[in-house]
Amino acid sequence: MSVSFKADIKQVTKALNSAQKKVVPKAISSTLNRVATSVRRKLLKEIQLTTGAIQRDIKEDTFIIKSNQRKTIASIIGKANLIPVGKLN
């Protein structure tokens, strides 16, 4: 499973002056990373409610590839590992 978020900096920066253009990539990157973290948190809760697994065990199998100023994409990656029956509620 994979979820990605992407922002197009070129469209945003067309209407901005040069001082503002330097700030936009950092703001977009920071926002994408916060959204990815929030989505992952909600995803873990939903998986826990559906499967009865402990969030810690699910969290070990998911990770976030964070956005930066040059690469404005944040991704949440999940491995499809089986959860042992003993770890289910």
N, C-alpha and C. Protein backbone atom coordinates (compact mmCIF):
# COMPACT_ATOMS: atom_id res chain seq x y z
N MET A 1 0.85 -1.17 0.00
CA MET A 1 0.00 0.00 0.00
C MET A 1 0.89 1.24 0.00
N SER A 2 0.48 2.25 -0.73
CA SER A 2 1.27 3.47 -0.80
C SER A 2 0.34 4.66 -1.01
N VAL A 3 0.59 5.72 -0.27
CA VAL A 3 -0.17 6.96 -0.42
C VAL A 3 0.85 8.07 -0.65
N SER A 4 0.65 8.89 -1.69
CA SER A 4 1.59 9.97 -1.98
C SER A 4 0.85 11.29 -2.09
N PHE A 5 1.53 12.33 -1.71
CA PHE A 5 1.01 13.69 -1.80
C PHE A 5 2.02 14.49 -2.60
N LYS A 6 1.54 15.31 -3.52
CA LYS A 6 2.44 16.07 -4.36
C LYS A 6 1.93 17.49 -4.51
N ALA A 7 2.84 18.45 -4.57
CA ALA A 7 2.48 19.84 -4.79
C ALA A 7 3.24 20.36 -6.00
N ASP A 8 2.59 21.20 -6.80
CA ASP A 8 3.23 21.78 -7.97
C ASP A 8 3.67 23.19 -7.62
N ILE A 9 4.95 23.35 -7.31
CA ILE A 9 5.48 24.63 -6.88
C ILE A 9 5.43 25.66 -8.00
N LYS A 10 5.61 25.25 -9.23
CA LYS A 10 5.64 26.20 -10.34
C LYS A 10 4.35 27.00 -10.45
N GLN A 11 3.21 26.35 -10.28
CA GLN A 11 1.93 27.06 -10.35
C GLN A 11 1.78 28.05 -9.20
N VAL A 12 2.21 27.64 -8.02
CA VAL A 12 2.06 28.50 -6.84
C VAL A 12 2.95 29.73 -6.93
N THR A 13 4.17 29.55 -7.43
CA THR A 13 5.14 30.65 -7.40
C THR A 13 5.00 31.64 -8.54
N LYS A 14 4.19 31.37 -9.54
CA LYS A 14 4.05 32.29 -10.67
C LYS A 14 3.60 33.68 -10.23
N ALA A 15 2.72 33.76 -9.26
CA ALA A 15 2.15 35.04 -8.85
C ALA A 15 2.91 35.69 -7.69
N LEU A 16 4.00 35.13 -7.26
CA LEU A 16 4.71 35.65 -6.09
C LEU A 16 5.98 36.39 -6.50
N ASN A 17 6.40 37.30 -5.62
CA ASN A 17 7.67 38.00 -5.88
C ASN A 17 8.84 37.13 -5.46
N SER A 18 10.06 37.58 -5.70
CA SER A 18 11.24 36.74 -5.46
C SER A 18 11.44 36.38 -3.99
N ALA A 19 11.14 37.28 -3.07
CA ALA A 19 11.30 36.98 -1.64
C ALA A 19 10.31 35.90 -1.21
N GLN A 20 9.10 35.99 -1.72
CA GLN A 20 8.08 35.00 -1.37
C GLN A 20 8.38 33.65 -2.01
N LYS A 21 9.00 33.65 -3.18
CA LYS A 21 9.30 32.40 -3.88
C LYS A 21 10.26 31.52 -3.10
N LYS A 22 11.13 32.11 -2.30
CA LYS A 22 12.08 31.33 -1.52
C LYS A 22 11.40 30.62 -0.34
N VAL A 23 10.29 31.18 0.13
CA VAL A 23 9.61 30.63 1.30
C VAL A 23 8.63 29.51 0.91
N VAL A 24 8.07 29.58 -0.28
CA VAL A 24 7.02 28.64 -0.68
C VAL A 24 7.47 27.18 -0.64
N PRO A 25 8.61 26.78 -1.20
CA PRO A 25 8.98 25.37 -1.15
C PRO A 25 9.10 24.81 0.27
N LYS A 26 9.64 25.61 1.17
CA LYS A 26 9.78 25.16 2.56
C LYS A 26 8.41 24.99 3.21
N ALA A 27 7.51 25.93 2.97
CA ALA A 27 6.17 25.85 3.55
C ALA A 27 5.39 24.66 3.00
N ILE A 28 5.50 24.43 1.69
CA ILE A 28 4.80 23.30 1.08
C ILE A 28 5.36 21.99 1.61
N SER A 29 6.66 21.88 1.69
CA SER A 29 7.30 20.67 2.19
C SER A 29 6.88 20.37 3.62
N SER A 30 6.90 21.39 4.45
CA SER A 30 6.51 21.23 5.85
C SER A 30 5.05 20.79 5.97
N THR A 31 4.19 21.38 5.16
CA THR A 31 2.77 21.03 5.18
C THR A 31 2.55 19.60 4.72
N LEU A 32 3.22 19.19 3.66
CA LEU A 32 3.09 17.81 3.17
C LEU A 32 3.53 16.81 4.22
N ASN A 33 4.61 17.10 4.93
CA ASN A 33 5.10 16.19 5.97
C ASN A 33 4.12 16.10 7.14
N ARG A 34 3.51 17.22 7.52
CA ARG A 34 2.50 17.19 8.59
C ARG A 34 1.28 16.39 8.16
N VAL A 35 0.85 16.57 6.92
CA VAL A 35 -0.31 15.83 6.41
C VAL A 35 -0.01 14.34 6.37
N ALA A 36 1.17 13.96 5.91
CA ALA A 36 1.55 12.55 5.85
C ALA A 36 1.55 11.92 7.24
N THR A 37 2.07 12.64 8.22
CA THR A 37 2.09 12.14 9.60
C THR A 37 0.68 11.97 10.14
N SER A 38 -0.18 12.93 9.86
CA SER A 38 -1.57 12.87 10.31
C SER A 38 -2.32 11.72 9.64
N VAL A 39 -2.11 11.56 8.35
CA VAL A 39 -2.77 10.47 7.62
C VAL A 39 -2.30 9.11 8.14
N ARG A 40 -1.01 8.99 8.41
CA ARG A 40 -0.48 7.73 8.94
C ARG A 40 -1.11 7.41 10.28
N ARG A 41 -1.23 8.42 11.14
CA ARG A 41 -1.83 8.22 12.46
C ARG A 41 -3.27 7.72 12.33
N LYS A 42 -4.06 8.35 11.44
CA LYS A 42 -5.44 7.93 11.23
C LYS A 42 -5.51 6.54 10.59
N LEU A 43 -4.59 6.26 9.69
CA LEU A 43 -4.52 4.95 9.05
C LEU A 43 -4.26 3.85 10.08
N LEU A 44 -3.34 4.10 11.00
CA LEU A 44 -3.05 3.12 12.05
C LEU A 44 -4.27 2.85 12.91
N LYS A 45 -5.01 3.90 13.25
CA LYS A 45 -6.22 3.73 14.06
C LYS A 45 -7.27 2.90 13.32
N GLU A 46 -7.44 3.18 12.03
CA GLU A 46 -8.43 2.44 11.25
C GLU A 46 -8.03 0.97 11.11
N ILE A 47 -6.77 0.71 10.86
CA ILE A 47 -6.31 -0.68 10.74
C ILE A 47 -6.48 -1.40 12.08
N GLN A 48 -6.20 -0.70 13.17
CA GLN A 48 -6.36 -1.31 14.49
C GLN A 48 -7.82 -1.67 14.73
N LEU A 49 -8.74 -0.76 14.40
CA LEU A 49 -10.16 -1.04 14.61
C LEU A 49 -10.64 -2.19 13.73
N THR A 50 -10.11 -2.27 12.52
CA THR A 50 -10.54 -3.31 11.59
C THR A 50 -9.98 -4.68 11.95
N THR A 51 -8.70 -4.73 12.31
CA THR A 51 -8.03 -6.01 12.53
C THR A 51 -7.91 -6.41 13.99
N GLY A 52 -7.96 -5.43 14.88
CA GLY A 52 -7.75 -5.72 16.30
C GLY A 52 -6.27 -5.80 16.67
N ALA A 53 -5.40 -5.46 15.75
CA ALA A 53 -3.95 -5.49 16.01
C ALA A 53 -3.54 -4.29 16.85
N ILE A 54 -2.39 -4.40 17.47
CA ILE A 54 -1.85 -3.30 18.26
C ILE A 54 -1.17 -2.31 17.32
N GLN A 55 -1.40 -1.02 17.55
CA GLN A 55 -0.86 0.01 16.66
C GLN A 55 0.66 -0.06 16.56
N ARG A 56 1.34 -0.38 17.62
CA ARG A 56 2.80 -0.46 17.61
C ARG A 56 3.27 -1.48 16.57
N ASP A 57 2.58 -2.63 16.50
CA ASP A 57 2.96 -3.67 15.55
C ASP A 57 2.71 -3.22 14.11
N ILE A 58 1.63 -2.49 13.89
CA ILE A 58 1.32 -2.00 12.55
C ILE A 58 2.30 -0.89 12.17
N LYS A 59 2.63 -0.03 13.13
CA LYS A 59 3.52 1.10 12.87
C LYS A 59 4.90 0.63 12.42
N GLU A 60 5.34 -0.51 12.92
CA GLU A 60 6.64 -1.05 12.52
C GLU A 60 6.68 -1.37 11.02
N ASP A 61 5.53 -1.64 10.43
CA ASP A 61 5.45 -2.02 9.02
C ASP A 61 5.09 -0.86 8.10
N THR A 62 4.99 0.34 8.64
CA THR A 62 4.71 1.52 7.81
C THR A 62 5.78 2.58 8.06
N PHE A 63 6.08 3.32 7.03
CA PHE A 63 7.04 4.41 7.20
C PHE A 63 6.71 5.55 6.24
N ILE A 64 7.23 6.72 6.54
CA ILE A 64 6.96 7.92 5.75
C ILE A 64 8.25 8.33 5.04
N ILE A 65 8.13 8.58 3.75
CA ILE A 65 9.22 9.20 3.00
C ILE A 65 8.88 10.68 2.97
N LYS A 66 9.67 11.47 3.65
CA LYS A 66 9.35 12.88 3.83
C LYS A 66 9.69 13.73 2.61
N SER A 67 8.95 14.81 2.47
CA SER A 67 9.17 15.79 1.43
C SER A 67 10.33 16.70 1.82
N ASN A 68 10.99 17.28 0.82
CA ASN A 68 11.98 18.31 1.08
C ASN A 68 11.74 19.46 0.10
N GLN A 69 12.58 20.48 0.14
CA GLN A 69 12.33 21.67 -0.67
C GLN A 69 12.47 21.40 -2.17
N ARG A 70 13.28 20.46 -2.56
CA ARG A 70 13.44 20.14 -3.98
C ARG A 70 12.46 19.08 -4.45
N LYS A 71 12.16 18.14 -3.58
CA LYS A 71 11.27 17.04 -3.92
C LYS A 71 10.00 17.18 -3.09
N THR A 72 8.98 17.79 -3.66
CA THR A 72 7.77 18.08 -2.89
C THR A 72 6.76 16.93 -3.02
N ILE A 73 7.19 15.76 -2.56
CA ILE A 73 6.32 14.59 -2.49
C ILE A 73 6.56 13.92 -1.14
N ALA A 74 5.47 13.64 -0.43
CA ALA A 74 5.55 12.87 0.81
C ALA A 74 4.77 11.59 0.59
N SER A 75 5.33 10.47 1.00
CA SER A 75 4.69 9.17 0.79
C SER A 75 4.60 8.39 2.08
N ILE A 76 3.53 7.60 2.20
CA ILE A 76 3.37 6.66 3.30
C ILE A 76 3.43 5.27 2.68
N ILE A 77 4.38 4.47 3.13
CA ILE A 77 4.58 3.14 2.58
C ILE A 77 4.27 2.10 3.65
N GLY A 78 3.53 1.09 3.27
CA GLY A 78 3.21 0.01 4.19
C GLY A 78 3.60 -1.33 3.61
N LYS A 79 4.26 -2.15 4.41
CA LYS A 79 4.60 -3.50 3.99
C LYS A 79 3.45 -4.42 4.37
N ALA A 80 3.22 -5.42 3.56
CA ALA A 80 2.13 -6.36 3.81
C ALA A 80 2.64 -7.57 4.58
N ASN A 81 2.99 -7.37 5.84
CA ASN A 81 3.43 -8.47 6.67
C ASN A 81 2.22 -9.04 7.43
N LEU A 82 2.27 -10.31 7.70
CA LEU A 82 1.21 -10.93 8.48
C LEU A 82 1.40 -10.59 9.95
N ILE A 83 0.30 -10.37 10.64
CA ILE A 83 0.34 -10.06 12.07
C ILE A 83 0.08 -11.38 12.81
N PRO A 84 0.99 -11.81 13.68
CA PRO A 84 0.78 -13.06 14.40
C PRO A 84 -0.52 -13.02 15.21
N VAL A 85 -1.21 -14.14 15.27
CA VAL A 85 -2.49 -14.23 15.97
C VAL A 85 -2.35 -13.82 17.42
N GLY A 86 -1.25 -14.09 18.05
CA GLY A 86 -1.04 -13.72 19.45
C GLY A 86 -1.00 -12.22 19.68
N LYS A 87 -0.76 -11.43 18.64
CA LYS A 87 -0.70 -9.97 18.79
C LYS A 87 -2.03 -9.31 18.50
N LEU A 88 -3.04 -10.04 18.14
CA LEU A 88 -4.37 -9.48 17.91
C LEU A 88 -5.15 -9.45 19.21
N ASN A 89 -6.02 -8.46 19.35
CA ASN A 89 -6.85 -8.36 20.57
C ASN A 89 -7.98 -9.35 20.53
